[in-house]
């Protein structure tokens, strides 16, 4: 069982010292790499826009609009709230996509193309000129994880999760219809759906709870809950859907796949 602030802080310090894997910053005004620019314009701009501002010609079709990459704000990261993502974070999002959204897996791209487009997208926002992304948050799964589940049931209510996600985790809480992100309506996640955008394991859910989803109403819980409490919530959420659950496509997913089929002729079937 995780105990006390001392050991937890010690583990974070060790992880920070041994795991400095942040991404390199990009000087403001740096020349865009031609290879990455070509990949972005051919594969990404149809939704994200030529300027990366989320205003591509197909963007209007989605309920949840494509990310505005010029803001330099990223939901799915392994880094602390308010931080830039690491290259592996960006690679994961591009390669695997975000389940339930219009961001479909770009698994037709080569390793070199993904690498080049990551370099290019760092030229789209001045935030990347601030320097490297910090080291990822340590994710230290406790040995007694399953025993924390009963605590998670209580914490789900006490932490205010039903206000947005609903008593049963269906995304139908009393505030669900009033949420916005970037000035547009947004929906809280249906926690009974699978797969999740950021992954379905307890470790993935812990990361989302600890890091928060920047640019959305979903905050980081690192300052509100201790390590055991975050893990307890994570295992509770895991148990909201039976193993092997695979939800139907959302409308945004359907549209995303349709666009991919039309604009990405090399996409694997």
Protein backbone atom coordinates (compact mmCIF):
# COMPACT_ATOMS: atom_id res chain seq x y z
CA UNK A 1 0.00 0.00 0.00
CA UNK A 2 1.31 3.47 -0.78
CA UNK A 3 1.99 5.31 2.46
CA UNK A 4 2.94 8.82 3.47
CA UNK A 5 4.12 11.72 1.45
CA UNK A 6 7.80 10.93 2.03
CA UNK A 7 8.06 7.73 -0.05
CA UNK A 8 5.76 9.11 -2.74
CA UNK A 9 7.83 12.25 -3.04
CA UNK A 10 11.00 10.19 -3.07
CA UNK A 11 9.70 8.05 -5.93
CA UNK A 12 8.78 11.16 -7.93
CA UNK A 13 12.25 12.60 -7.43
CA UNK A 14 13.91 9.38 -8.55
CA UNK A 15 11.64 9.20 -11.58
CA UNK A 16 12.46 12.79 -12.44
CA UNK A 17 16.20 12.17 -12.15
CA UNK A 18 16.24 8.91 -14.07
CA UNK A 19 13.43 9.51 -16.55
CA UNK A 20 14.11 12.85 -18.17
CA UNK A 21 12.46 12.10 -21.48
CA UNK A 22 10.94 15.46 -22.37
CA UNK A 23 10.73 16.57 -25.95
CA UNK A 24 12.96 19.17 -27.48
CA UNK A 25 11.62 22.70 -27.75
CA UNK A 26 11.25 24.40 -31.13
CA UNK A 27 12.53 27.94 -31.57
CA UNK A 28 9.76 30.41 -32.34
CA UNK A 29 9.69 31.04 -36.08
CA UNK A 30 11.68 27.91 -36.86
CA UNK A 31 11.45 26.81 -40.47
CA UNK A 32 8.90 24.04 -40.92
CA UNK A 33 10.48 20.71 -41.91
CA UNK A 34 9.30 20.01 -45.47
CA UNK A 35 8.67 16.29 -44.95
CA UNK A 36 6.46 16.81 -41.91
CA UNK A 37 4.66 19.72 -43.53
CA UNK A 38 3.83 17.58 -46.55
CA UNK A 39 2.46 14.77 -44.36
CA UNK A 40 0.41 17.21 -42.29
CA UNK A 41 -1.12 18.92 -45.30
CA UNK A 42 -1.94 15.64 -47.04
CA UNK A 43 -3.19 13.65 -44.03
CA UNK A 44 -4.17 16.02 -41.21
CA UNK A 45 -5.20 19.41 -42.62
CA UNK A 46 -8.57 18.15 -43.88
CA UNK A 47 -9.73 18.24 -40.25
CA UNK A 48 -7.12 20.26 -38.35
CA UNK A 49 -6.73 22.93 -41.06
CA UNK A 50 -3.66 24.05 -43.00
CA UNK A 51 -2.71 26.35 -40.12
CA UNK A 52 -3.44 23.64 -37.53
CA UNK A 53 -6.20 25.77 -36.00
CA UNK A 54 -8.85 23.03 -36.08
CA UNK A 55 -10.70 24.75 -38.94
CA UNK A 56 -10.20 22.22 -41.74
CA UNK A 57 -12.84 21.83 -44.45
CA UNK A 58 -14.36 18.79 -42.72
CA UNK A 59 -14.14 20.14 -39.14
CA UNK A 60 -17.73 21.38 -39.09
CA UNK A 61 -19.06 17.84 -39.36
CA UNK A 62 -17.93 16.81 -35.87
CA UNK A 63 -19.66 17.39 -32.54
CA UNK A 64 -16.26 17.47 -30.85
CA UNK A 65 -14.20 19.63 -33.21
CA UNK A 66 -10.63 18.71 -34.22
CA UNK A 67 -7.94 20.00 -31.87
CA UNK A 68 -6.63 23.52 -32.40
CA UNK A 69 -2.93 22.70 -32.48
CA UNK A 70 -1.97 26.38 -32.45
CA UNK A 71 -2.97 26.57 -28.78
CA UNK A 72 -0.42 23.99 -27.69
CA UNK A 73 -2.93 22.45 -25.26
CA UNK A 74 -3.17 18.66 -25.26
CA UNK A 75 -5.68 16.44 -23.48
CA UNK A 76 -3.84 13.15 -23.67
CA UNK A 77 -0.43 13.38 -22.05
CA UNK A 78 1.70 11.53 -19.57
CA UNK A 79 3.00 14.86 -18.21
CA UNK A 80 1.58 17.06 -15.42
CA UNK A 81 -1.42 19.29 -16.00
CA UNK A 82 -0.60 22.39 -18.00
CA UNK A 83 2.46 20.77 -19.58
CA UNK A 84 3.36 19.92 -23.14
CA UNK A 85 3.22 16.24 -24.13
CA UNK A 86 6.23 14.07 -24.84
CA UNK A 87 7.02 12.70 -28.29
CA UNK A 88 5.77 9.23 -27.25
CA UNK A 89 2.48 10.86 -26.17
CA UNK A 90 2.06 12.46 -29.59
CA UNK A 91 3.14 9.27 -31.36
CA UNK A 92 0.54 7.28 -29.41
CA UNK A 93 -2.29 9.66 -30.31
CA UNK A 94 -1.35 9.75 -33.99
CA UNK A 95 -0.70 6.04 -34.35
CA UNK A 96 -3.64 4.69 -32.29
CA UNK A 97 -6.14 7.52 -32.66
CA UNK A 98 -8.64 8.46 -29.95
CA UNK A 99 -11.45 5.95 -29.59
CA UNK A 100 -14.92 7.45 -29.69
CA UNK A 101 -13.74 10.55 -31.55
CA UNK A 102 -13.11 11.63 -35.12
CA UNK A 103 -9.37 11.19 -34.59
CA UNK A 104 -8.97 7.76 -36.19
CA UNK A 105 -5.77 5.75 -36.04
CA UNK A 106 -3.18 6.99 -38.53
CA UNK A 107 -1.59 3.56 -38.71
CA UNK A 108 -1.06 3.88 -42.45
CA UNK A 109 1.78 6.32 -41.80
CA UNK A 110 5.35 5.08 -41.68
CA UNK A 111 7.63 5.52 -38.66
CA UNK A 112 9.46 8.29 -40.51
CA UNK A 113 6.22 10.07 -41.45
CA UNK A 114 4.97 10.05 -37.86
CA UNK A 115 8.33 11.31 -36.64
CA UNK A 116 8.38 14.09 -39.24
CA UNK A 117 4.82 15.23 -38.60
CA UNK A 118 5.52 15.44 -34.84
CA UNK A 119 8.44 17.74 -35.58
CA UNK A 120 6.22 19.81 -37.85
CA UNK A 121 3.30 20.21 -35.47
CA UNK A 122 5.70 21.73 -32.94
CA UNK A 123 6.08 24.69 -35.29
CA UNK A 124 2.33 25.41 -35.13
CA UNK A 125 2.23 26.85 -31.59
CA UNK A 126 4.59 29.24 -29.79
CA UNK A 127 4.26 27.08 -26.67
CA UNK A 128 6.81 24.68 -28.11
CA UNK A 129 9.40 27.46 -27.99
CA UNK A 130 9.21 27.35 -24.18
CA UNK A 131 11.43 24.28 -24.02
CA UNK A 132 11.23 20.54 -23.54
CA UNK A 133 8.23 18.73 -22.13
CA UNK A 134 8.75 17.59 -18.52
CA UNK A 135 9.25 13.98 -17.52
CA UNK A 136 6.07 11.88 -17.41
CA UNK A 137 4.25 11.49 -14.13
CA UNK A 138 5.31 8.31 -12.34
CA UNK A 139 2.67 5.60 -12.54
CA UNK A 140 3.43 3.17 -9.71
CA UNK A 141 0.71 0.53 -9.55
CA UNK A 142 0.20 -0.56 -5.92
CA UNK A 143 0.47 -4.26 -5.15
CA UNK A 144 -2.91 -4.18 -3.37
CA UNK A 145 -4.76 -2.42 -6.19
CA UNK A 146 -7.84 -4.68 -6.26
CA UNK A 147 -8.38 -4.21 -2.53
CA UNK A 148 -8.80 -0.48 -3.12
CA UNK A 149 -11.97 -0.95 -5.20
CA UNK A 150 -14.44 -0.52 -2.28
CA UNK A 151 -12.81 2.80 -1.44
CA UNK A 152 -13.24 3.81 -5.08
CA UNK A 153 -17.01 3.33 -4.87
CA UNK A 154 -17.18 5.87 -2.04
CA UNK A 155 -14.66 8.24 -3.58
CA UNK A 156 -16.55 8.36 -6.87
CA UNK A 157 -19.37 10.09 -5.01
CA UNK A 158 -17.27 12.09 -2.57
CA UNK A 159 -15.03 13.51 -5.32
CA UNK A 160 -18.06 14.84 -7.18
CA UNK A 161 -17.75 12.57 -10.21
CA UNK A 162 -21.52 12.00 -10.59
CA UNK A 163 -22.06 15.73 -11.16
CA UNK A 164 -20.75 15.29 -14.71
CA UNK A 165 -20.42 11.55 -15.30
CA UNK A 166 -23.68 10.55 -13.60
CA UNK A 167 -24.37 8.10 -10.78
CA UNK A 168 -23.83 5.12 -13.08
CA UNK A 169 -20.96 6.65 -15.07
CA UNK A 170 -23.05 7.09 -18.22
CA UNK A 171 -22.01 10.71 -18.78
CA UNK A 172 -25.49 11.93 -17.83
CA UNK A 173 -24.83 13.93 -14.66
CA UNK A 174 -26.77 17.10 -13.85
CA UNK A 175 -23.99 19.33 -15.23
CA UNK A 176 -23.38 17.25 -18.35
CA UNK A 177 -25.42 19.47 -20.64
CA UNK A 178 -23.70 22.67 -19.53
CA UNK A 179 -20.07 21.75 -20.14
CA UNK A 180 -17.91 23.55 -22.68
CA UNK A 181 -14.37 23.25 -24.00
CA UNK A 182 -12.78 25.92 -26.17
CA UNK A 183 -16.08 27.80 -26.21
CA UNK A 184 -18.01 24.85 -27.64
CA UNK A 185 -20.31 22.27 -26.00
CA UNK A 186 -18.61 19.11 -24.84
CA UNK A 187 -19.76 15.89 -23.22
CA UNK A 188 -18.36 14.14 -20.15
CA UNK A 189 -17.12 10.65 -20.90
CA UNK A 190 -19.48 7.71 -20.64
CA UNK A 191 -17.35 5.63 -18.28
CA UNK A 192 -19.14 2.42 -19.26
CA UNK A 193 -17.95 2.67 -22.89
CA UNK A 194 -14.86 0.89 -24.11
CA UNK A 195 -12.29 1.55 -25.33
CA UNK A 196 -11.38 4.83 -23.67
CA UNK A 197 -9.51 7.45 -25.68
CA UNK A 198 -6.46 7.24 -23.44
CA UNK A 199 -6.53 3.50 -22.73
CA UNK A 200 -8.57 1.09 -20.60
CA UNK A 201 -6.05 -0.18 -18.04
CA UNK A 202 -6.05 1.04 -14.44
CA UNK A 203 -2.69 2.66 -15.22
CA UNK A 204 -4.21 4.61 -18.13
CA UNK A 205 -7.14 5.81 -16.02
CA UNK A 206 -4.81 6.73 -13.15
CA UNK A 207 -2.80 8.83 -15.60
CA UNK A 208 -5.91 10.65 -16.82
CA UNK A 209 -7.01 11.36 -13.24
CA UNK A 210 -3.56 12.52 -12.16
CA UNK A 211 -2.72 14.58 -15.26
CA UNK A 212 -6.20 15.83 -16.11
CA UNK A 213 -7.38 16.47 -19.65
CA UNK A 214 -6.10 19.95 -20.46
CA UNK A 215 -8.51 22.17 -22.39
CA UNK A 216 -11.56 20.35 -20.97
CA UNK A 217 -13.54 20.55 -17.71
CA UNK A 218 -11.74 17.38 -16.50
CA UNK A 219 -9.12 18.59 -13.97
CA UNK A 220 -6.10 16.93 -12.44
CA UNK A 221 -6.85 15.29 -9.08
CA UNK A 222 -3.25 15.21 -7.87
CA UNK A 223 -3.80 18.08 -5.44
CA UNK A 224 -7.21 16.89 -4.25
CA UNK A 225 -6.58 13.16 -3.72
CA UNK A 226 -3.65 11.09 -2.52
CA UNK A 227 -2.06 8.28 -4.50
CA UNK A 228 -4.19 5.51 -3.00
CA UNK A 229 -7.36 7.48 -3.62
CA UNK A 230 -6.53 8.09 -7.28
CA UNK A 231 -5.77 4.40 -7.76
CA UNK A 232 -9.02 3.48 -5.97
CA UNK A 233 -10.98 5.65 -8.39
CA UNK A 234 -9.09 4.14 -11.32
CA UNK A 235 -9.94 0.56 -10.40
CA UNK A 236 -13.56 1.58 -9.75
CA UNK A 237 -13.82 3.01 -13.27
CA UNK A 238 -12.24 -0.13 -14.74
CA UNK A 239 -15.00 -2.17 -13.14
CA UNK A 240 -17.81 -0.07 -14.61
CA UNK A 241 -17.62 -2.12 -17.82
CA UNK A 242 -17.33 -5.92 -18.01
CA UNK A 243 -14.06 -7.25 -19.49
CA UNK A 244 -14.23 -7.44 -23.26
CA UNK A 245 -16.77 -4.63 -23.63
CA UNK A 246 -16.57 -3.01 -27.07
CA UNK A 247 -18.98 -0.14 -27.61
CA UNK A 248 -20.64 0.84 -30.87
CA UNK A 249 -19.09 3.52 -33.04
CA UNK A 250 -19.97 7.09 -32.14
CA UNK A 251 -21.17 9.45 -34.87
CA UNK A 252 -17.84 11.31 -34.70
CA UNK A 253 -15.99 8.02 -35.22
CA UNK A 254 -18.16 7.15 -38.19
CA UNK A 255 -17.50 10.54 -39.78
CA UNK A 256 -13.78 10.27 -39.03
CA UNK A 257 -13.56 6.88 -40.73
CA UNK A 258 -15.50 8.18 -43.72
CA UNK A 259 -13.10 11.11 -44.10
CA UNK A 260 -10.09 8.84 -43.66
CA UNK A 261 -11.34 6.51 -46.38
CA UNK A 262 -11.77 9.44 -48.77
CA UNK A 263 -8.55 11.29 -48.00
CA UNK A 264 -6.11 8.54 -47.07
CA UNK A 265 -5.97 6.09 -49.99
CA UNK A 266 -3.03 4.22 -48.44
CA UNK A 267 -4.93 3.44 -45.23
CA UNK A 268 -4.88 -0.28 -44.39
CA UNK A 269 -8.27 -2.00 -44.39
